[in-house]
C-alpha atoms as a PDB file:
ATOM      1  CA  MET A   1       0.000   0.000   0.000  1.00  0.00           C
ATOM      2  CA  ILE A   2       1.390   3.403  -0.950  1.00  0.00           C
ATOM      3  CA  ALA A   3       0.270   6.510   0.912  1.00  0.00           C
ATOM      4  CA  ARG A   4       1.262  10.150   0.764  1.00  0.00           C
ATOM      5  CA  ILE A   5       1.479  11.555   4.263  1.00  0.00           C
ATOM      6  CA  SER A   6       1.516  15.318   4.558  1.00  0.00           C
ATOM      7  CA  SER A   7       2.987  17.518   7.227  1.00  0.00           C
ATOM      8  CA  SER A   8       0.264  20.070   6.471  1.00  0.00           C
ATOM      9  CA  SER A   9      -3.470  19.460   6.397  1.00  0.00           C
ATOM     10  CA  SER A  10      -3.947  20.805   2.889  1.00  0.00           C
ATOM     11  CA  LEU A  11      -1.218  21.320   0.331  1.00  0.00           C
ATOM     12  CA  GLY A  12      -3.539  22.870  -2.235  1.00  0.00           C
ATOM     13  CA  THR A  13      -2.635  24.067  -5.694  1.00  0.00           C
ATOM     14  CA  LYS A  14      -0.300  27.034  -5.809  1.00  0.00           C
ATOM     15  CA  ALA A  15      -0.748  29.638  -8.540  1.00  0.00           C
ATOM     16  CA  GLY A  16       2.033  29.957 -11.059  1.00  0.00           C
ATOM     17  CA  PHE A  17       2.981  26.302 -11.407  1.00  0.00           C
ATOM     18  CA  HIS A  18       3.024  24.606 -14.771  1.00  0.00           C
ATOM     19  CA  CYS A  19       0.269  22.095 -15.491  1.00  0.00           C
ATOM     20  CA  ASN A  20       2.669  19.150 -15.701  1.00  0.00           C
ATOM     21  CA  ASN A  21       4.269  19.831 -12.305  1.00  0.00           C
ATOM     22  CA  ARG A  22       2.264  21.756  -9.703  1.00  0.00           C
ATOM     23  CA  ARG A  23       4.425  20.638  -6.805  1.00  0.00           C
ATOM     24  CA  ALA A  24       5.384  23.388  -4.401  1.00  0.00           C
ATOM     25  CA  HIS A  25       8.376  21.477  -2.997  1.00  0.00           C
ATOM     26  CA  THR A  26      11.105  19.442  -4.623  1.00  0.00           C
ATOM     27  CA  ARG A  27      10.773  15.723  -3.956  1.00  0.00           C
ATOM     28  CA  LEU A  28      13.849  13.666  -3.196  1.00  0.00           C
ATOM     29  CA  THR A  29      13.892   9.990  -4.123  1.00  0.00           C
ATOM     30  CA  LYS A  30      17.359   9.368  -2.726  1.00  0.00           C
ATOM     31  CA  VAL A  31      18.081  10.451   0.840  1.00  0.00           C
ATOM     32  CA  PRO A  32      21.656   9.351   1.623  1.00  0.00           C
ATOM     33  CA  TRP A  33      21.420   9.908   5.389  1.00  0.00           C
ATOM     34  CA  LEU A  34      18.236   7.830   5.804  1.00  0.00           C
ATOM     35  CA  ARG A  35      18.995   4.337   7.119  1.00  0.00           C
ATOM     36  CA  ARG A  36      15.545   3.283   8.327  1.00  0.00           C
ATOM     37  CA  ALA A  37      11.969   4.582   8.376  1.00  0.00           C
ATOM     38  CA  ARG A  38       9.220   3.145  10.516  1.00  0.00           C
ATOM     39  CA  LEU A  39       5.986   3.976  12.224  1.00  0.00           C
ATOM     40  CA  LYS A  40       6.611   4.709  15.890  1.00  0.00           C
ATOM     41  CA  HIS A  41       5.781   1.518  17.780  1.00  0.00           C
ATOM     42  CA  GLY A  42       4.974  -0.129  14.450  1.00  0.00           C
ATOM     43  CA  CYS A  43       6.269  -1.608  11.244  1.00  0.00           C
ATOM     44  CA  ASP A  44       8.962  -0.413   8.880  1.00  0.00           C
ATOM     45  CA  VAL A  45       7.907   1.662   5.875  1.00  0.00           C
ATOM     46  CA  ARG A  46       9.734   2.290   2.617  1.00  0.00           C
ATOM     47  CA  VAL A  47      10.233   5.955   1.731  1.00  0.00           C
ATOM     48  CA  ILE A  48       9.497   6.460  -1.955  1.00  0.00           C
ATOM     49  CA  ASP A  49      10.022  10.212  -1.936  1.00  0.00           C
ATOM     50  CA  ILE A  50      10.304  12.968   0.628  1.00  0.00           C
ATOM     51  CA  SER A  51       9.898  16.763   0.533  1.00  0.00           C
ATOM     52  CA  MET A  52       9.528  19.693   2.929  1.00  0.00           C
ATOM     53  CA  ALA A  53       5.725  19.192   2.875  1.00  0.00           C
ATOM     54  CA  GLY A  54       5.351  15.430   3.095  1.00  0.00           C
ATOM     55  CA  VAL A  55       6.576  11.938   2.478  1.00  0.00           C
ATOM     56  CA  LEU A  56       5.359   9.195   0.174  1.00  0.00           C
ATOM     57  CA  VAL A  57       5.718   5.819   1.856  1.00  0.00           C
ATOM     58  CA  GLU A  58       4.943   2.218   1.089  1.00  0.00           C
ATOM     59  CA  SER A  59       3.647   0.098   3.962  1.00  0.00           C
ATOM     60  CA  ARG A  60       2.216  -3.359   4.547  1.00  0.00           C
ATOM     61  CA  GLY A  61      -1.265  -1.988   5.215  1.00  0.00           C
ATOM     62  CA  PRO A  62      -3.414   1.022   4.318  1.00  0.00           C
ATOM     63  CA  PHE A  63      -3.600   4.330   6.162  1.00  0.00           C
ATOM     64  CA  LYS A  64      -7.079   5.712   6.798  1.00  0.00           C
ATOM     65  CA  PRO A  65      -7.527   9.286   5.509  1.00  0.00           C
ATOM     66  CA  GLY A  66      -6.886  11.831   8.255  1.00  0.00           C
ATOM     67  CA  THR A  67      -5.108   9.341  10.513  1.00  0.00           C
ATOM     68  CA  GLU A  68      -2.345  10.883  12.606  1.00  0.00           C
ATOM     69  CA  VAL A  69       0.884   8.883  12.601  1.00  0.00           C
ATOM     70  CA  VAL A  70       4.410   9.355  13.893  1.00  0.00           C
ATOM     71  CA  PHE A  71       7.395   8.360  11.785  1.00  0.00           C
ATOM     72  CA  GLU A  72      10.836   7.547  13.123  1.00  0.00           C
ATOM     73  CA  LEU A  73      13.465   8.428  10.519  1.00  0.00           C
ATOM     74  CA  THR A  74      16.833   7.001  11.487  1.00  0.00           C
ATOM     75  CA  GLY A  75      20.178   8.183  10.175  1.00  0.00           C
ATOM     76  CA  ALA A  76      23.702   7.022  10.937  1.00  0.00           C
ATOM     77  CA  SER A  77      23.898   8.812  14.298  1.00  0.00           C
ATOM     78  CA  SER A  78      20.399   9.931  15.275  1.00  0.00           C
ATOM     79  CA  THR A  79      16.666   9.379  14.946  1.00  0.00           C
ATOM     80  CA  VAL A  80      14.168  12.101  14.069  1.00  0.00           C
ATOM     81  CA  VAL A  81      10.550  11.707  15.192  1.00  0.00           C
ATOM     82  CA  VAL A  82       8.097  13.320  12.745  1.00  0.00           C
ATOM     83  CA  PRO A  83       4.352  13.611  13.413  1.00  0.00           C
ATOM     84  CA  ALA A  84       2.207  13.548  10.270  1.00  0.00           C
ATOM     85  CA  ARG A  85      -1.332  13.229   9.024  1.00  0.00           C
END
């Protein structure tokens, strides 16, 4: 199951973007520092892409719309806890 989890409740469409790419933030598909991503107290997820406004993850099961989750993103020397919806 693939789900886009946003750090804001509504990304919306920003004026001035071209029709073929309306994204407000650059998405990264390779994040060299990221060693592991998981749901806090849950299963691992695979990060497909990540940006300043959200993260696209693949998980074993679906996320219900509007569900609040907490991701643990682990690098070589530290773990960042990121709440999302």
